[in-house]
Amino acid sequence: MYGSQLRRQVRAEKKKTRVVIFTFLLLLILYLITSMVFGENGLLKYLKLKQKKAEMLSYIKTLQQENTKLKEEVSQLRSDPFYIEKRAREELNLSRPDEYIFFFDDGSGRP
């Protein structure tokens, strides 16, 4: 009789130990998953940084295209006298001595 009671007590203790270990492991796994998703270096932060990287790469590409256009313009300004004349006529409203420039009011307030 004493042996069967002891066995039941041992089984009950083992069951309690398993429940405690299972609970501890479950809580540990939940903590790790939560940390991986919402933590300082978690999945959400990674996704935000990935999106920011894509935006920055797009911005860099735009700036590189603009830079290329400006380099071409500088090259033309240094070497092409016809381009220089065209720019002077358009931006500075310059003309040759025998030419007249007419400005029409289109309602925008600009000449």
N, C-alpha and C. Protein backbone atom coordinates (compact mmCIF):
# COMPACT_ATOMS: atom_id res chain seq x y z
N MET A 1 0.81 -1.18 0.00
CA MET A 1 0.00 0.00 0.00
C MET A 1 0.86 1.25 0.00
N TYR A 2 1.85 1.24 0.82
CA TYR A 2 2.74 2.39 0.91
C TYR A 2 3.47 2.58 -0.41
N GLY A 3 3.80 1.48 -1.13
CA GLY A 3 4.51 1.54 -2.40
C GLY A 3 3.67 2.16 -3.49
N SER A 4 2.36 1.84 -3.55
CA SER A 4 1.50 2.40 -4.61
C SER A 4 1.24 3.89 -4.36
N GLN A 5 1.14 4.24 -3.10
CA GLN A 5 0.95 5.65 -2.77
C GLN A 5 2.21 6.43 -3.13
N LEU A 6 3.35 5.85 -2.90
CA LEU A 6 4.63 6.48 -3.25
C LEU A 6 4.75 6.63 -4.76
N ARG A 7 4.29 5.59 -5.49
CA ARG A 7 4.34 5.66 -6.96
C ARG A 7 3.43 6.79 -7.47
N ARG A 8 2.25 6.90 -6.91
CA ARG A 8 1.32 7.97 -7.32
C ARG A 8 1.92 9.34 -7.03
N GLN A 9 2.55 9.45 -5.90
CA GLN A 9 3.17 10.71 -5.52
C GLN A 9 4.32 11.04 -6.48
N VAL A 10 5.12 10.04 -6.84
CA VAL A 10 6.23 10.24 -7.78
C VAL A 10 5.68 10.65 -9.13
N ARG A 11 4.61 9.97 -9.60
CA ARG A 11 3.99 10.32 -10.89
C ARG A 11 3.45 11.75 -10.85
N ALA A 12 2.81 12.12 -9.75
CA ALA A 12 2.26 13.47 -9.61
C ALA A 12 3.38 14.50 -9.65
N GLU A 13 4.49 14.20 -8.99
CA GLU A 13 5.63 15.12 -9.00
C GLU A 13 6.23 15.23 -10.40
N LYS A 14 6.33 14.11 -11.11
CA LYS A 14 6.85 14.13 -12.48
C LYS A 14 5.93 14.95 -13.38
N LYS A 15 4.60 14.76 -13.17
CA LYS A 15 3.63 15.50 -13.98
C LYS A 15 3.75 17.00 -13.71
N LYS A 16 3.90 17.39 -12.45
CA LYS A 16 4.08 18.80 -12.09
C LYS A 16 5.35 19.35 -12.72
N THR A 17 6.41 18.54 -12.66
CA THR A 17 7.69 18.96 -13.25
C THR A 17 7.54 19.17 -14.75
N ARG A 18 6.87 18.26 -15.43
CA ARG A 18 6.64 18.38 -16.87
C ARG A 18 5.81 19.63 -17.19
N VAL A 19 4.78 19.89 -16.40
CA VAL A 19 3.93 21.07 -16.61
C VAL A 19 4.75 22.34 -16.43
N VAL A 20 5.59 22.37 -15.40
CA VAL A 20 6.43 23.55 -15.16
C VAL A 20 7.42 23.73 -16.31
N ILE A 21 8.07 22.65 -16.73
CA ILE A 21 9.03 22.75 -17.83
C ILE A 21 8.33 23.16 -19.12
N PHE A 22 7.16 22.56 -19.41
CA PHE A 22 6.40 22.90 -20.61
C PHE A 22 5.99 24.38 -20.58
N THR A 23 5.51 24.82 -19.44
CA THR A 23 5.10 26.23 -19.30
C THR A 23 6.29 27.15 -19.50
N PHE A 24 7.42 26.82 -18.89
CA PHE A 24 8.62 27.62 -19.04
C PHE A 24 9.06 27.68 -20.50
N LEU A 25 9.09 26.53 -21.17
CA LEU A 25 9.49 26.50 -22.58
C LEU A 25 8.51 27.28 -23.46
N LEU A 26 7.23 27.16 -23.19
CA LEU A 26 6.22 27.88 -23.94
C LEU A 26 6.41 29.39 -23.78
N LEU A 27 6.62 29.82 -22.54
CA LEU A 27 6.84 31.25 -22.29
C LEU A 27 8.14 31.73 -22.96
N LEU A 28 9.17 30.90 -22.92
CA LEU A 28 10.43 31.26 -23.56
C LEU A 28 10.25 31.41 -25.07
N ILE A 29 9.54 30.48 -25.67
CA ILE A 29 9.29 30.53 -27.12
C ILE A 29 8.45 31.76 -27.47
N LEU A 30 7.43 32.05 -26.69
CA LEU A 30 6.62 33.24 -26.93
C LEU A 30 7.45 34.51 -26.81
N TYR A 31 8.32 34.57 -25.81
CA TYR A 31 9.20 35.72 -25.65
C TYR A 31 10.13 35.88 -26.84
N LEU A 32 10.72 34.78 -27.28
CA LEU A 32 11.64 34.84 -28.42
C LEU A 32 10.93 35.28 -29.70
N ILE A 33 9.74 34.75 -29.93
CA ILE A 33 8.98 35.14 -31.13
C ILE A 33 8.60 36.62 -31.05
N THR A 34 8.13 37.05 -29.91
CA THR A 34 7.78 38.46 -29.73
C THR A 34 8.99 39.35 -29.94
N SER A 35 10.11 38.94 -29.40
CA SER A 35 11.34 39.72 -29.55
C SER A 35 11.79 39.76 -31.01
N MET A 36 11.65 38.65 -31.71
CA MET A 36 12.05 38.61 -33.11
C MET A 36 11.17 39.50 -33.99
N VAL A 37 9.91 39.61 -33.64
CA VAL A 37 8.99 40.40 -34.47
C VAL A 37 9.00 41.87 -34.06
N PHE A 38 8.88 42.15 -32.77
CA PHE A 38 8.68 43.52 -32.30
C PHE A 38 9.92 44.13 -31.65
N GLY A 39 10.98 43.40 -31.50
CA GLY A 39 12.15 43.90 -30.81
C GLY A 39 12.89 44.99 -31.57
N GLU A 40 13.94 45.49 -30.93
CA GLU A 40 14.74 46.58 -31.51
C GLU A 40 15.32 46.19 -32.87
N ASN A 41 15.71 44.97 -33.02
CA ASN A 41 16.23 44.48 -34.30
C ASN A 41 15.30 43.41 -34.88
N GLY A 42 14.02 43.59 -34.67
CA GLY A 42 13.05 42.60 -35.09
C GLY A 42 12.62 42.73 -36.53
N LEU A 43 11.67 41.93 -36.90
CA LEU A 43 11.17 41.85 -38.26
C LEU A 43 10.56 43.16 -38.72
N LEU A 44 9.78 43.82 -37.87
CA LEU A 44 9.16 45.08 -38.25
C LEU A 44 10.20 46.14 -38.54
N LYS A 45 11.23 46.21 -37.72
CA LYS A 45 12.32 47.17 -37.94
C LYS A 45 13.03 46.84 -39.25
N TYR A 46 13.25 45.56 -39.51
CA TYR A 46 13.91 45.13 -40.74
C TYR A 46 13.10 45.57 -41.96
N LEU A 47 11.78 45.37 -41.91
CA LEU A 47 10.94 45.75 -43.04
C LEU A 47 10.95 47.26 -43.27
N LYS A 48 10.94 48.04 -42.20
CA LYS A 48 11.01 49.49 -42.33
C LYS A 48 12.34 49.91 -42.95
N LEU A 49 13.43 49.30 -42.49
CA LEU A 49 14.74 49.63 -43.04
C LEU A 49 14.87 49.21 -44.49
N LYS A 50 14.27 48.09 -44.84
CA LYS A 50 14.29 47.62 -46.23
C LYS A 50 13.55 48.61 -47.13
N GLN A 51 12.41 49.11 -46.66
CA GLN A 51 11.65 50.09 -47.43
C GLN A 51 12.44 51.39 -47.56
N LYS A 52 13.07 51.81 -46.49
CA LYS A 52 13.87 53.04 -46.52
C LYS A 52 15.05 52.88 -47.48
N LYS A 53 15.64 51.71 -47.51
CA LYS A 53 16.75 51.45 -48.42
C LYS A 53 16.28 51.57 -49.87
N ALA A 54 15.11 51.02 -50.17
CA ALA A 54 14.57 51.11 -51.52
C ALA A 54 14.31 52.56 -51.90
N GLU A 55 13.78 53.34 -50.97
CA GLU A 55 13.55 54.77 -51.22
C GLU A 55 14.86 55.49 -51.48
N MET A 56 15.87 55.19 -50.67
CA MET A 56 17.17 55.85 -50.83
C MET A 56 17.82 55.48 -52.17
N LEU A 57 17.71 54.21 -52.56
CA LEU A 57 18.28 53.79 -53.84
C LEU A 57 17.58 54.49 -55.01
N SER A 58 16.28 54.65 -54.89
CA SER A 58 15.52 55.37 -55.91
C SER A 58 15.96 56.83 -55.97
N TYR A 59 16.12 57.43 -54.82
CA TYR A 59 16.57 58.83 -54.74
C TYR A 59 17.97 58.98 -55.32
N ILE A 60 18.85 58.04 -55.01
CA ILE A 60 20.22 58.07 -55.55
C ILE A 60 20.18 57.96 -57.07
N LYS A 61 19.34 57.08 -57.58
CA LYS A 61 19.23 56.92 -59.03
C LYS A 61 18.76 58.21 -59.68
N THR A 62 17.77 58.87 -59.07
CA THR A 62 17.28 60.14 -59.58
C THR A 62 18.39 61.19 -59.58
N LEU A 63 19.14 61.25 -58.50
CA LEU A 63 20.24 62.22 -58.41
C LEU A 63 21.33 61.92 -59.44
N GLN A 64 21.61 60.65 -59.67
CA GLN A 64 22.61 60.28 -60.67
C GLN A 64 22.16 60.70 -62.07
N GLN A 65 20.88 60.52 -62.37
CA GLN A 65 20.36 60.95 -63.67
C GLN A 65 20.46 62.46 -63.82
N GLU A 66 20.10 63.18 -62.77
CA GLU A 66 20.20 64.64 -62.80
C GLU A 66 21.65 65.07 -62.95
N ASN A 67 22.54 64.38 -62.25
CA ASN A 67 23.97 64.69 -62.33
C ASN A 67 24.49 64.48 -63.75
N THR A 68 24.05 63.40 -64.39
CA THR A 68 24.46 63.12 -65.77
C THR A 68 23.98 64.23 -66.70
N LYS A 69 22.73 64.66 -66.54
CA LYS A 69 22.20 65.74 -67.37
C LYS A 69 22.99 67.03 -67.17
N LEU A 70 23.31 67.33 -65.91
CA LEU A 70 24.07 68.55 -65.62
C LEU A 70 25.48 68.48 -66.21
N LYS A 71 26.10 67.31 -66.16
CA LYS A 71 27.43 67.15 -66.75
C LYS A 71 27.38 67.36 -68.26
N GLU A 72 26.32 66.83 -68.89
CA GLU A 72 26.16 67.04 -70.33
C GLU A 72 25.98 68.51 -70.65
N GLU A 73 25.18 69.19 -69.83
CA GLU A 73 24.97 70.62 -70.05
C GLU A 73 26.25 71.40 -69.87
N VAL A 74 27.02 71.08 -68.86
CA VAL A 74 28.30 71.76 -68.63
C VAL A 74 29.23 71.52 -69.81
N SER A 75 29.25 70.30 -70.28
CA SER A 75 30.08 69.97 -71.44
C SER A 75 29.67 70.80 -72.66
N GLN A 76 28.37 70.91 -72.89
CA GLN A 76 27.90 71.70 -74.02
C GLN A 76 28.21 73.18 -73.83
N LEU A 77 28.08 73.67 -72.60
CA LEU A 77 28.39 75.08 -72.34
C LEU A 77 29.87 75.37 -72.55
N ARG A 78 30.71 74.41 -72.31
CA ARG A 78 32.15 74.62 -72.50
C ARG A 78 32.58 74.52 -73.96
N SER A 79 31.86 73.74 -74.74
CA SER A 79 32.37 73.45 -76.07
C SER A 79 31.48 73.89 -77.23
N ASP A 80 30.21 74.13 -77.02
CA ASP A 80 29.29 74.40 -78.13
C ASP A 80 28.83 75.86 -78.09
N PRO A 81 29.36 76.70 -78.97
CA PRO A 81 28.97 78.12 -78.95
C PRO A 81 27.49 78.33 -79.32
N PHE A 82 26.93 77.46 -80.14
CA PHE A 82 25.52 77.60 -80.50
C PHE A 82 24.62 77.32 -79.30
N TYR A 83 25.02 76.38 -78.48
CA TYR A 83 24.25 76.07 -77.26
C TYR A 83 24.34 77.25 -76.29
N ILE A 84 25.50 77.84 -76.17
CA ILE A 84 25.67 79.01 -75.29
C ILE A 84 24.76 80.14 -75.75
N GLU A 85 24.75 80.37 -77.07
CA GLU A 85 23.90 81.43 -77.61
C GLU A 85 22.42 81.13 -77.34
N LYS A 86 22.03 79.90 -77.55
CA LYS A 86 20.63 79.50 -77.32
C LYS A 86 20.24 79.75 -75.86
N ARG A 87 21.08 79.34 -74.93
CA ARG A 87 20.80 79.53 -73.50
C ARG A 87 20.74 81.01 -73.14
N ALA A 88 21.65 81.80 -73.70
CA ALA A 88 21.65 83.23 -73.43
C ALA A 88 20.37 83.87 -73.95
N ARG A 89 19.93 83.46 -75.12
CA ARG A 89 18.68 84.01 -75.68
C ARG A 89 17.48 83.62 -74.82
N GLU A 90 17.42 82.37 -74.38
CA GLU A 90 16.27 81.89 -73.62
C GLU A 90 16.23 82.44 -72.20
N GLU A 91 17.33 82.39 -71.51
CA GLU A 91 17.32 82.72 -70.09
C GLU A 91 17.57 84.20 -69.81
N LEU A 92 18.40 84.82 -70.61
CA LEU A 92 18.75 86.22 -70.35
C LEU A 92 18.05 87.19 -71.30
N ASN A 93 17.22 86.65 -72.20
CA ASN A 93 16.51 87.47 -73.17
C ASN A 93 17.45 88.35 -73.98
N LEU A 94 18.57 87.79 -74.36
CA LEU A 94 19.53 88.53 -75.17
C LEU A 94 19.18 88.38 -76.64
N SER A 95 19.65 89.33 -77.42
CA SER A 95 19.41 89.27 -78.86
C SER A 95 20.62 89.83 -79.60
N ARG A 96 20.63 89.60 -80.88
CA ARG A 96 21.67 90.19 -81.72
C ARG A 96 21.31 91.66 -81.96
N PRO A 97 22.29 92.44 -82.42
CA PRO A 97 22.01 93.89 -82.61
C PRO A 97 20.88 94.17 -83.60
N ASP A 98 20.66 93.34 -84.57
CA ASP A 98 19.63 93.63 -85.56
C ASP A 98 18.32 92.90 -85.30
N GLU A 99 18.13 92.36 -84.09
CA GLU A 99 16.92 91.62 -83.76
C GLU A 99 16.10 92.37 -82.73
N TYR A 100 14.80 92.08 -82.74
CA TYR A 100 13.88 92.63 -81.75
C TYR A 100 13.24 91.46 -81.00
N ILE A 101 13.03 91.66 -79.72
CA ILE A 101 12.38 90.64 -78.91
C ILE A 101 11.02 91.16 -78.49
N PHE A 102 10.00 90.38 -78.74
CA PHE A 102 8.64 90.75 -78.36
C PHE A 102 8.19 89.86 -77.21
N PHE A 103 7.62 90.48 -76.21
CA PHE A 103 7.08 89.76 -75.06
C PHE A 103 5.55 89.87 -75.09
N PHE A 104 4.90 88.76 -74.93
CA PHE A 104 3.45 88.72 -74.93
C PHE A 104 2.97 88.32 -73.54
N ASP A 105 1.97 89.03 -73.09
CA ASP A 105 1.41 88.73 -71.78
C ASP A 105 0.43 87.56 -71.90
N ASP A 106 0.79 86.46 -71.23
CA ASP A 106 -0.08 85.30 -71.28
C ASP A 106 -0.90 85.14 -69.99
N GLY A 107 -0.87 86.17 -69.15
CA GLY A 107 -1.65 86.14 -67.92
C GLY A 107 -0.91 85.52 -66.75
N SER A 108 0.28 85.01 -66.95
CA SER A 108 1.02 84.38 -65.84
C SER A 108 1.83 85.37 -65.04
N GLY A 109 1.97 86.60 -65.56
CA GLY A 109 2.75 87.60 -64.85
C GLY A 109 4.21 87.55 -65.18
N ARG A 110 4.62 86.60 -66.02
CA ARG A 110 6.01 86.48 -66.43
C ARG A 110 6.16 87.04 -67.83
N PRO A 111 7.32 87.61 -68.14
CA PRO A 111 7.56 88.10 -69.51
C PRO A 111 7.77 86.95 -70.48
